[in-house]
Amino acid sequence: MGRLGSFASLKYLVIIETGSTSFGAYLPDLPGCVAAAETRREVRKLIREGIELHIHALRAAGEPVRAPMSKSELVRIRAA
């Protein structure tokens, strides 16, 4: 988990989950950075803003910013 420079370009994995009436988003690499909204488009906008605010707050507090580490992969299985 390295410390990132002030102007590093970052690309984080965002998990978007569909609920019965809304969407939620979070990042495995930035614990506590979450968003919820009524539409997928809105949750994507909010999580992007949340990431920027989260990183800004970490830096302002002198805390390390976790480098993006998570990757995704789809796994196909045969349903029983």
N, C-alpha and C. Protein backbone atom coordinates (compact mmCIF):
# COMPACT_ATOMS: atom_id res chain seq x y z
N MET A 1 0.85 -1.16 0.00
CA MET A 1 0.00 0.00 0.00
C MET A 1 0.90 1.23 0.00
N GLY A 2 1.11 1.79 -1.16
CA GLY A 2 2.01 2.93 -1.27
C GLY A 2 1.30 4.25 -1.16
N ARG A 3 2.11 5.26 -0.91
CA ARG A 3 1.60 6.63 -0.84
C ARG A 3 1.64 7.20 -2.25
N LEU A 4 0.59 7.88 -2.65
CA LEU A 4 0.50 8.41 -4.00
C LEU A 4 0.81 9.89 -4.01
N GLY A 5 1.41 10.35 -5.10
CA GLY A 5 1.68 11.76 -5.26
C GLY A 5 0.41 12.58 -5.40
N SER A 6 0.53 13.87 -5.23
CA SER A 6 -0.64 14.76 -5.25
C SER A 6 -1.37 14.76 -6.57
N PHE A 7 -0.67 14.52 -7.67
CA PHE A 7 -1.30 14.62 -8.98
C PHE A 7 -1.33 13.30 -9.72
N ALA A 8 -1.32 12.20 -8.98
CA ALA A 8 -1.35 10.88 -9.61
C ALA A 8 -2.70 10.65 -10.27
N SER A 9 -2.68 9.99 -11.42
CA SER A 9 -3.92 9.58 -12.08
C SER A 9 -4.29 8.21 -11.53
N LEU A 10 -5.50 8.08 -11.03
CA LEU A 10 -5.92 6.85 -10.36
C LEU A 10 -7.10 6.22 -11.06
N LYS A 11 -7.15 4.89 -11.03
CA LYS A 11 -8.25 4.14 -11.64
C LYS A 11 -8.65 3.04 -10.65
N TYR A 12 -9.74 3.26 -9.92
CA TYR A 12 -10.20 2.34 -8.90
C TYR A 12 -11.33 1.46 -9.40
N LEU A 13 -11.39 0.23 -8.89
CA LEU A 13 -12.52 -0.66 -9.13
C LEU A 13 -13.68 -0.20 -8.27
N VAL A 14 -14.83 0.06 -8.89
CA VAL A 14 -16.05 0.45 -8.18
C VAL A 14 -17.05 -0.68 -8.33
N ILE A 15 -17.60 -1.13 -7.22
CA ILE A 15 -18.64 -2.15 -7.22
C ILE A 15 -19.99 -1.43 -7.14
N ILE A 16 -20.85 -1.70 -8.11
CA ILE A 16 -22.20 -1.13 -8.11
C ILE A 16 -23.19 -2.27 -7.90
N GLU A 17 -24.01 -2.13 -6.88
CA GLU A 17 -25.01 -3.15 -6.57
C GLU A 17 -26.41 -2.59 -6.81
N THR A 18 -27.28 -3.43 -7.33
CA THR A 18 -28.65 -3.05 -7.60
C THR A 18 -29.54 -3.52 -6.46
N GLY A 19 -30.25 -2.58 -5.85
CA GLY A 19 -31.20 -2.91 -4.79
C GLY A 19 -32.60 -2.92 -5.36
N SER A 20 -33.58 -3.13 -4.53
CA SER A 20 -34.96 -3.18 -5.01
C SER A 20 -35.46 -1.82 -5.48
N THR A 21 -34.94 -0.73 -4.90
CA THR A 21 -35.39 0.60 -5.29
C THR A 21 -34.25 1.58 -5.53
N SER A 22 -33.01 1.10 -5.46
CA SER A 22 -31.89 2.03 -5.61
C SER A 22 -30.62 1.28 -6.00
N PHE A 23 -29.55 2.05 -6.18
CA PHE A 23 -28.23 1.50 -6.50
C PHE A 23 -27.25 1.95 -5.43
N GLY A 24 -26.32 1.09 -5.12
CA GLY A 24 -25.27 1.43 -4.17
C GLY A 24 -23.91 1.19 -4.82
N ALA A 25 -22.90 1.95 -4.38
CA ALA A 25 -21.56 1.79 -4.93
C ALA A 25 -20.53 1.89 -3.81
N TYR A 26 -19.44 1.11 -3.95
CA TYR A 26 -18.35 1.19 -2.99
C TYR A 26 -17.06 0.74 -3.67
N LEU A 27 -15.94 1.02 -3.02
CA LEU A 27 -14.63 0.67 -3.54
C LEU A 27 -13.91 -0.22 -2.55
N PRO A 28 -13.49 -1.41 -2.95
CA PRO A 28 -12.73 -2.26 -2.04
C PRO A 28 -11.44 -1.61 -1.56
N ASP A 29 -10.84 -0.76 -2.37
CA ASP A 29 -9.55 -0.15 -2.03
C ASP A 29 -9.66 1.13 -1.22
N LEU A 30 -10.86 1.67 -1.06
CA LEU A 30 -11.06 2.88 -0.26
C LEU A 30 -12.20 2.64 0.73
N PRO A 31 -11.92 1.91 1.81
CA PRO A 31 -12.98 1.62 2.79
C PRO A 31 -13.65 2.91 3.28
N GLY A 32 -14.96 2.86 3.35
CA GLY A 32 -15.72 4.02 3.82
C GLY A 32 -16.19 4.95 2.72
N CYS A 33 -15.72 4.74 1.52
CA CYS A 33 -16.14 5.56 0.38
C CYS A 33 -17.32 4.86 -0.29
N VAL A 34 -18.52 5.38 -0.09
CA VAL A 34 -19.74 4.75 -0.59
C VAL A 34 -20.68 5.80 -1.16
N ALA A 35 -21.62 5.35 -1.96
CA ALA A 35 -22.66 6.23 -2.51
C ALA A 35 -23.92 5.41 -2.73
N ALA A 36 -25.05 6.08 -2.70
CA ALA A 36 -26.34 5.45 -3.00
C ALA A 36 -27.19 6.45 -3.76
N ALA A 37 -27.98 5.94 -4.72
CA ALA A 37 -28.83 6.82 -5.53
C ALA A 37 -29.95 6.00 -6.14
N GLU A 38 -30.90 6.71 -6.73
CA GLU A 38 -32.05 6.04 -7.34
C GLU A 38 -31.73 5.45 -8.70
N THR A 39 -30.72 6.00 -9.40
CA THR A 39 -30.38 5.48 -10.73
C THR A 39 -28.90 5.11 -10.79
N ARG A 40 -28.58 4.22 -11.73
CA ARG A 40 -27.20 3.81 -11.94
C ARG A 40 -26.35 5.02 -12.36
N ARG A 41 -26.89 5.84 -13.23
CA ARG A 41 -26.15 7.02 -13.68
C ARG A 41 -25.82 7.95 -12.51
N GLU A 42 -26.82 8.17 -11.65
CA GLU A 42 -26.61 9.06 -10.51
C GLU A 42 -25.60 8.48 -9.51
N VAL A 43 -25.65 7.16 -9.27
CA VAL A 43 -24.71 6.58 -8.32
C VAL A 43 -23.28 6.64 -8.86
N ARG A 44 -23.12 6.51 -10.18
CA ARG A 44 -21.79 6.64 -10.78
C ARG A 44 -21.25 8.07 -10.59
N LYS A 45 -22.11 9.05 -10.77
CA LYS A 45 -21.70 10.45 -10.58
C LYS A 45 -21.32 10.69 -9.12
N LEU A 46 -22.16 10.21 -8.20
CA LEU A 46 -21.91 10.43 -6.78
C LEU A 46 -20.66 9.71 -6.29
N ILE A 47 -20.40 8.50 -6.77
CA ILE A 47 -19.22 7.78 -6.29
C ILE A 47 -17.95 8.44 -6.83
N ARG A 48 -18.00 8.96 -8.04
CA ARG A 48 -16.84 9.68 -8.59
C ARG A 48 -16.53 10.91 -7.72
N GLU A 49 -17.57 11.67 -7.38
CA GLU A 49 -17.38 12.83 -6.50
C GLU A 49 -16.90 12.39 -5.12
N GLY A 50 -17.47 11.28 -4.64
CA GLY A 50 -17.08 10.76 -3.33
C GLY A 50 -15.62 10.34 -3.27
N ILE A 51 -15.14 9.73 -4.35
CA ILE A 51 -13.73 9.32 -4.41
C ILE A 51 -12.83 10.54 -4.30
N GLU A 52 -13.15 11.56 -5.06
CA GLU A 52 -12.33 12.78 -5.03
C GLU A 52 -12.33 13.40 -3.63
N LEU A 53 -13.50 13.50 -3.00
CA LEU A 53 -13.59 14.06 -1.66
C LEU A 53 -12.87 13.19 -0.63
N HIS A 54 -13.01 11.88 -0.77
CA HIS A 54 -12.38 10.94 0.15
C HIS A 54 -10.86 11.07 0.09
N ILE A 55 -10.31 11.11 -1.11
CA ILE A 55 -8.86 11.24 -1.28
C ILE A 55 -8.39 12.60 -0.77
N HIS A 56 -9.14 13.64 -1.06
CA HIS A 56 -8.78 14.98 -0.56
C HIS A 56 -8.74 14.98 0.97
N ALA A 57 -9.73 14.37 1.60
CA ALA A 57 -9.79 14.33 3.07
C ALA A 57 -8.63 13.53 3.65
N LEU A 58 -8.29 12.40 3.01
CA LEU A 58 -7.15 11.61 3.48
C LEU A 58 -5.86 12.43 3.41
N ARG A 59 -5.65 13.09 2.29
CA ARG A 59 -4.43 13.89 2.13
C ARG A 59 -4.40 15.06 3.12
N ALA A 60 -5.54 15.71 3.32
CA ALA A 60 -5.60 16.84 4.25
C ALA A 60 -5.27 16.41 5.67
N ALA A 61 -5.62 15.17 6.01
CA ALA A 61 -5.36 14.64 7.34
C ALA A 61 -3.97 14.02 7.45
N GLY A 62 -3.22 14.03 6.34
CA GLY A 62 -1.88 13.44 6.35
C GLY A 62 -1.90 11.92 6.33
N GLU A 63 -3.04 11.35 5.96
CA GLU A 63 -3.18 9.89 5.89
C GLU A 63 -2.75 9.39 4.52
N PRO A 64 -2.28 8.15 4.43
CA PRO A 64 -1.91 7.61 3.11
C PRO A 64 -3.14 7.32 2.26
N VAL A 65 -3.00 7.47 0.97
CA VAL A 65 -4.05 7.13 0.01
C VAL A 65 -3.69 5.78 -0.58
N ARG A 66 -4.57 4.82 -0.41
CA ARG A 66 -4.29 3.48 -0.95
C ARG A 66 -4.23 3.50 -2.46
N ALA A 67 -3.22 2.88 -2.99
CA ALA A 67 -3.11 2.73 -4.43
C ALA A 67 -4.17 1.73 -4.89
N PRO A 68 -4.72 1.90 -6.10
CA PRO A 68 -5.69 0.93 -6.61
C PRO A 68 -5.04 -0.45 -6.74
N MET A 69 -5.65 -1.46 -6.15
CA MET A 69 -5.09 -2.81 -6.19
C MET A 69 -6.11 -3.84 -6.68
N SER A 70 -7.39 -3.58 -6.46
CA SER A 70 -8.43 -4.57 -6.77
C SER A 70 -8.65 -4.69 -8.27
N LYS A 71 -8.90 -5.90 -8.70
CA LYS A 71 -9.22 -6.21 -10.10
C LYS A 71 -10.52 -7.00 -10.10
N SER A 72 -11.16 -7.07 -11.23
CA SER A 72 -12.39 -7.86 -11.32
C SER A 72 -12.24 -8.92 -12.39
N GLU A 73 -13.03 -9.95 -12.22
CA GLU A 73 -13.05 -11.04 -13.21
C GLU A 73 -14.41 -11.72 -13.10
N LEU A 74 -14.99 -12.02 -14.23
CA LEU A 74 -16.25 -12.77 -14.25
C LEU A 74 -15.92 -14.26 -14.28
N VAL A 75 -16.65 -15.02 -13.50
CA VAL A 75 -16.44 -16.47 -13.44
C VAL A 75 -17.74 -17.11 -13.86
N ARG A 76 -17.67 -17.97 -14.88
CA ARG A 76 -18.85 -18.66 -15.38
C ARG A 76 -18.96 -20.02 -14.68
N ILE A 77 -20.17 -20.31 -14.20
CA ILE A 77 -20.41 -21.62 -13.57
C ILE A 77 -21.65 -22.23 -14.19
N ARG A 78 -21.80 -23.50 -14.04
CA ARG A 78 -23.02 -24.20 -14.48
C ARG A 78 -23.93 -24.32 -13.30
N ALA A 79 -25.11 -23.70 -13.39
CA ALA A 79 -26.07 -23.74 -12.28
C ALA A 79 -26.63 -25.14 -12.13
N ALA A 80 -26.81 -25.55 -10.88
CA ALA A 80 -27.33 -26.89 -10.61
C ALA A 80 -28.82 -26.95 -10.82
